[in-house]
Amino acid sequence: MTDITIKQYDNGYFEVFQGDKSSGELGFDEMLGLITSLTMSERRPCLQWMKTKEQRDAEEIVITQIAKYPIFENAKKKNKNGKNKVQ
């Protein structure tokens, strides 16, 4: 892994350095975008949040259906002493 260095100049611009490469002068948003690109994993799991309206609607239906079922439906009930009751 190569270190990334960010310099901010008096004129407000930034410059990003990694290994033998540099960005030249960048604005703040450009610098953030570059740093994000340089440090993001190959898999880019953050893209999982991007969905169409149809995908979000389908996801909401699944969540609503799952929420209707008790989580511990088959769990053993405990008596007053904290011991499992035989059912």
N, C-alpha and C. Protein backbone atom coordinates (compact mmCIF):
# COMPACT_ATOMS: atom_id res chain seq x y z
N MET A 1 0.84 -1.17 0.00
CA MET A 1 0.00 0.00 0.00
C MET A 1 0.89 1.24 0.00
N THR A 2 0.57 2.18 -0.85
CA THR A 2 1.33 3.41 -0.95
C THR A 2 0.63 4.52 -0.17
N ASP A 3 1.40 5.29 0.58
CA ASP A 3 0.83 6.40 1.34
C ASP A 3 0.23 7.43 0.40
N ILE A 4 -0.83 8.09 0.89
CA ILE A 4 -1.47 9.18 0.17
C ILE A 4 -1.25 10.45 0.99
N THR A 5 -0.78 11.50 0.33
CA THR A 5 -0.54 12.77 1.00
C THR A 5 -1.41 13.83 0.35
N ILE A 6 -2.04 14.66 1.19
CA ILE A 6 -2.86 15.77 0.69
C ILE A 6 -2.22 17.06 1.19
N LYS A 7 -1.95 17.97 0.26
CA LYS A 7 -1.44 19.28 0.62
C LYS A 7 -2.49 20.32 0.29
N GLN A 8 -2.68 21.27 1.19
CA GLN A 8 -3.57 22.39 0.91
C GLN A 8 -2.72 23.65 0.78
N TYR A 9 -2.92 24.35 -0.33
CA TYR A 9 -2.13 25.54 -0.62
C TYR A 9 -2.84 26.80 -0.15
N ASP A 10 -2.09 27.88 -0.07
CA ASP A 10 -2.64 29.17 0.38
C ASP A 10 -3.78 29.67 -0.50
N ASN A 11 -3.77 29.26 -1.77
CA ASN A 11 -4.83 29.71 -2.68
C ASN A 11 -6.12 28.89 -2.51
N GLY A 12 -6.13 27.94 -1.54
CA GLY A 12 -7.33 27.14 -1.27
C GLY A 12 -7.38 25.83 -2.02
N TYR A 13 -6.51 25.64 -2.98
CA TYR A 13 -6.51 24.39 -3.74
C TYR A 13 -5.78 23.29 -2.99
N PHE A 14 -6.06 22.06 -3.41
CA PHE A 14 -5.45 20.87 -2.82
C PHE A 14 -4.65 20.15 -3.89
N GLU A 15 -3.67 19.39 -3.43
CA GLU A 15 -2.94 18.51 -4.34
C GLU A 15 -2.75 17.17 -3.62
N VAL A 16 -3.02 16.09 -4.34
CA VAL A 16 -2.94 14.74 -3.79
C VAL A 16 -1.72 14.06 -4.39
N PHE A 17 -0.94 13.39 -3.53
CA PHE A 17 0.25 12.67 -3.95
C PHE A 17 0.12 11.21 -3.53
N GLN A 18 0.47 10.31 -4.45
CA GLN A 18 0.55 8.88 -4.13
C GLN A 18 1.67 8.29 -4.97
N GLY A 19 2.68 7.76 -4.28
CA GLY A 19 3.85 7.23 -5.00
C GLY A 19 4.49 8.33 -5.82
N ASP A 20 4.71 8.07 -7.12
CA ASP A 20 5.34 9.07 -7.99
C ASP A 20 4.31 9.90 -8.77
N LYS A 21 3.04 9.81 -8.40
CA LYS A 21 1.98 10.55 -9.10
C LYS A 21 1.42 11.66 -8.24
N SER A 22 0.94 12.71 -8.91
CA SER A 22 0.26 13.80 -8.21
C SER A 22 -0.91 14.27 -9.07
N SER A 23 -1.85 14.93 -8.42
CA SER A 23 -3.09 15.32 -9.09
C SER A 23 -3.04 16.66 -9.79
N GLY A 24 -2.14 17.52 -9.38
CA GLY A 24 -2.24 18.91 -9.80
C GLY A 24 -3.25 19.59 -8.87
N GLU A 25 -3.52 20.85 -9.09
CA GLU A 25 -4.41 21.59 -8.19
C GLU A 25 -5.86 21.13 -8.36
N LEU A 26 -6.52 20.84 -7.22
CA LEU A 26 -7.91 20.40 -7.21
C LEU A 26 -8.72 21.25 -6.26
N GLY A 27 -10.00 21.40 -6.57
CA GLY A 27 -10.93 22.00 -5.61
C GLY A 27 -11.25 20.97 -4.54
N PHE A 28 -11.96 21.40 -3.49
CA PHE A 28 -12.26 20.53 -2.36
C PHE A 28 -13.03 19.28 -2.79
N ASP A 29 -14.11 19.45 -3.56
CA ASP A 29 -14.92 18.29 -3.96
C ASP A 29 -14.15 17.35 -4.88
N GLU A 30 -13.30 17.91 -5.72
CA GLU A 30 -12.47 17.06 -6.60
C GLU A 30 -11.48 16.24 -5.77
N MET A 31 -10.89 16.87 -4.77
CA MET A 31 -9.94 16.18 -3.90
C MET A 31 -10.64 15.05 -3.15
N LEU A 32 -11.84 15.31 -2.62
CA LEU A 32 -12.57 14.25 -1.91
C LEU A 32 -12.91 13.09 -2.84
N GLY A 33 -13.34 13.39 -4.05
CA GLY A 33 -13.64 12.35 -5.02
C GLY A 33 -12.42 11.51 -5.35
N LEU A 34 -11.29 12.15 -5.52
CA LEU A 34 -10.06 11.43 -5.83
C LEU A 34 -9.64 10.54 -4.66
N ILE A 35 -9.67 11.07 -3.45
CA ILE A 35 -9.30 10.29 -2.26
C ILE A 35 -10.24 9.09 -2.12
N THR A 36 -11.52 9.30 -2.36
CA THR A 36 -12.49 8.20 -2.30
C THR A 36 -12.14 7.13 -3.33
N SER A 37 -11.84 7.54 -4.54
CA SER A 37 -11.49 6.59 -5.60
C SER A 37 -10.22 5.82 -5.28
N LEU A 38 -9.25 6.50 -4.72
CA LEU A 38 -7.97 5.86 -4.42
C LEU A 38 -8.06 4.86 -3.27
N THR A 39 -9.00 5.08 -2.35
CA THR A 39 -9.07 4.25 -1.16
C THR A 39 -10.20 3.24 -1.17
N MET A 40 -11.06 3.27 -2.17
CA MET A 40 -12.20 2.36 -2.23
C MET A 40 -11.75 0.95 -2.62
N SER A 41 -12.36 -0.05 -2.00
CA SER A 41 -12.00 -1.43 -2.32
C SER A 41 -12.47 -1.78 -3.73
N GLU A 42 -11.90 -2.83 -4.28
CA GLU A 42 -12.29 -3.28 -5.63
C GLU A 42 -13.76 -3.69 -5.68
N ARG A 43 -14.24 -4.29 -4.58
CA ARG A 43 -15.63 -4.77 -4.54
C ARG A 43 -16.64 -3.63 -4.53
N ARG A 44 -16.30 -2.51 -3.97
CA ARG A 44 -17.16 -1.33 -3.86
C ARG A 44 -18.52 -1.65 -3.24
N PRO A 45 -18.53 -2.18 -1.99
CA PRO A 45 -19.78 -2.57 -1.37
C PRO A 45 -20.73 -1.40 -1.12
N CYS A 46 -20.22 -0.19 -1.14
CA CYS A 46 -21.09 0.96 -0.90
C CYS A 46 -22.13 1.12 -2.00
N LEU A 47 -21.88 0.53 -3.17
CA LEU A 47 -22.85 0.65 -4.27
C LEU A 47 -24.12 -0.16 -4.03
N GLN A 48 -24.12 -1.02 -3.00
CA GLN A 48 -25.33 -1.79 -2.70
C GLN A 48 -26.49 -0.89 -2.30
N TRP A 49 -26.21 0.33 -1.88
CA TRP A 49 -27.27 1.24 -1.45
C TRP A 49 -28.01 1.87 -2.63
N MET A 50 -27.43 1.81 -3.81
CA MET A 50 -28.07 2.39 -4.99
C MET A 50 -29.07 1.38 -5.57
N LYS A 51 -30.36 1.75 -5.53
CA LYS A 51 -31.42 0.85 -6.00
C LYS A 51 -32.46 1.66 -6.76
N THR A 52 -33.18 0.98 -7.64
CA THR A 52 -34.30 1.62 -8.33
C THR A 52 -35.49 1.68 -7.38
N LYS A 53 -36.51 2.43 -7.76
CA LYS A 53 -37.73 2.51 -6.96
C LYS A 53 -38.35 1.12 -6.84
N GLU A 54 -38.33 0.36 -7.92
CA GLU A 54 -38.91 -0.99 -7.92
C GLU A 54 -38.16 -1.90 -6.93
N GLN A 55 -36.83 -1.79 -6.91
CA GLN A 55 -36.04 -2.60 -5.97
C GLN A 55 -36.35 -2.22 -4.53
N ARG A 56 -36.47 -0.91 -4.27
CA ARG A 56 -36.78 -0.46 -2.91
C ARG A 56 -38.18 -0.92 -2.49
N ASP A 57 -39.14 -0.84 -3.40
CA ASP A 57 -40.51 -1.30 -3.10
C ASP A 57 -40.52 -2.78 -2.79
N ALA A 58 -39.82 -3.59 -3.57
CA ALA A 58 -39.75 -5.04 -3.34
C ALA A 58 -39.08 -5.33 -2.00
N GLU A 59 -38.05 -4.60 -1.68
CA GLU A 59 -37.35 -4.77 -0.40
C GLU A 59 -38.29 -4.45 0.76
N GLU A 60 -39.08 -3.41 0.62
CA GLU A 60 -40.02 -3.00 1.67
C GLU A 60 -41.08 -4.07 1.90
N ILE A 61 -41.55 -4.70 0.83
CA ILE A 61 -42.54 -5.78 0.94
C ILE A 61 -41.95 -6.95 1.72
N VAL A 62 -40.72 -7.33 1.41
CA VAL A 62 -40.06 -8.44 2.11
C VAL A 62 -39.90 -8.11 3.59
N ILE A 63 -39.44 -6.91 3.89
CA ILE A 63 -39.24 -6.50 5.28
C ILE A 63 -40.57 -6.51 6.04
N THR A 64 -41.62 -6.02 5.40
CA THR A 64 -42.94 -6.00 6.03
C THR A 64 -43.43 -7.41 6.32
N GLN A 65 -43.22 -8.34 5.38
CA GLN A 65 -43.65 -9.72 5.57
C GLN A 65 -42.85 -10.40 6.68
N ILE A 66 -41.56 -10.19 6.72
CA ILE A 66 -40.73 -10.81 7.76
C ILE A 66 -41.12 -10.28 9.13
N ALA A 67 -41.44 -9.00 9.21
CA ALA A 67 -41.77 -8.38 10.49
C ALA A 67 -43.05 -8.95 11.10
N LYS A 68 -43.89 -9.60 10.33
CA LYS A 68 -45.14 -10.17 10.83
C LYS A 68 -44.92 -11.45 11.64
N TYR A 69 -43.77 -12.11 11.48
CA TYR A 69 -43.51 -13.38 12.14
C TYR A 69 -42.73 -13.16 13.43
N PRO A 70 -43.13 -13.89 14.50
CA PRO A 70 -42.37 -13.76 15.76
C PRO A 70 -40.93 -14.26 15.57
N ILE A 71 -40.02 -13.56 16.15
CA ILE A 71 -38.61 -13.91 16.00
C ILE A 71 -38.28 -15.22 16.70
N PHE A 72 -38.83 -15.42 17.87
CA PHE A 72 -38.51 -16.61 18.66
C PHE A 72 -39.71 -17.54 18.72
N GLU A 73 -40.28 -17.83 17.60
CA GLU A 73 -41.50 -18.63 17.52
C GLU A 73 -41.34 -20.00 18.20
N ASN A 74 -40.21 -20.64 18.06
CA ASN A 74 -40.01 -21.98 18.62
C ASN A 74 -39.17 -21.97 19.89
N ALA A 75 -38.97 -20.81 20.46
CA ALA A 75 -38.16 -20.74 21.68
C ALA A 75 -38.91 -21.38 22.85
N LYS A 76 -38.16 -21.99 23.76
CA LYS A 76 -38.76 -22.59 24.94
C LYS A 76 -39.17 -21.49 25.90
N LYS A 77 -40.33 -21.68 26.52
CA LYS A 77 -40.79 -20.72 27.53
C LYS A 77 -40.14 -21.06 28.86
N LYS A 78 -39.82 -20.04 29.64
CA LYS A 78 -39.19 -20.25 30.94
C LYS A 78 -40.21 -20.05 32.06
N ASN A 79 -40.05 -20.83 33.12
CA ASN A 79 -40.94 -20.66 34.27
C ASN A 79 -40.42 -19.55 35.18
N LYS A 80 -41.05 -19.37 36.32
CA LYS A 80 -40.68 -18.29 37.23
C LYS A 80 -39.25 -18.44 37.76
N ASN A 81 -38.75 -19.66 37.85
CA ASN A 81 -37.40 -19.89 38.37
C ASN A 81 -36.32 -19.70 37.30
N GLY A 82 -36.71 -19.37 36.08
CA GLY A 82 -35.76 -19.16 35.02
C GLY A 82 -35.36 -20.44 34.30
N LYS A 83 -36.02 -21.57 34.65
CA LYS A 83 -35.71 -22.83 34.01
C LYS A 83 -36.68 -23.07 32.85
N ASN A 84 -36.22 -23.80 31.84
CA ASN A 84 -37.06 -24.08 30.67
C ASN A 84 -38.22 -24.99 31.07
N LYS A 85 -39.41 -24.65 30.61
CA LYS A 85 -40.58 -25.51 30.80
C LYS A 85 -40.58 -26.58 29.73
N VAL A 86 -41.05 -27.73 30.09
CA VAL A 86 -41.22 -28.80 29.10
C VAL A 86 -42.57 -28.61 28.47
N GLN A 87 -42.61 -28.56 27.14
CA GLN A 87 -43.88 -28.33 26.46
C GLN A 87 -44.44 -29.61 25.92
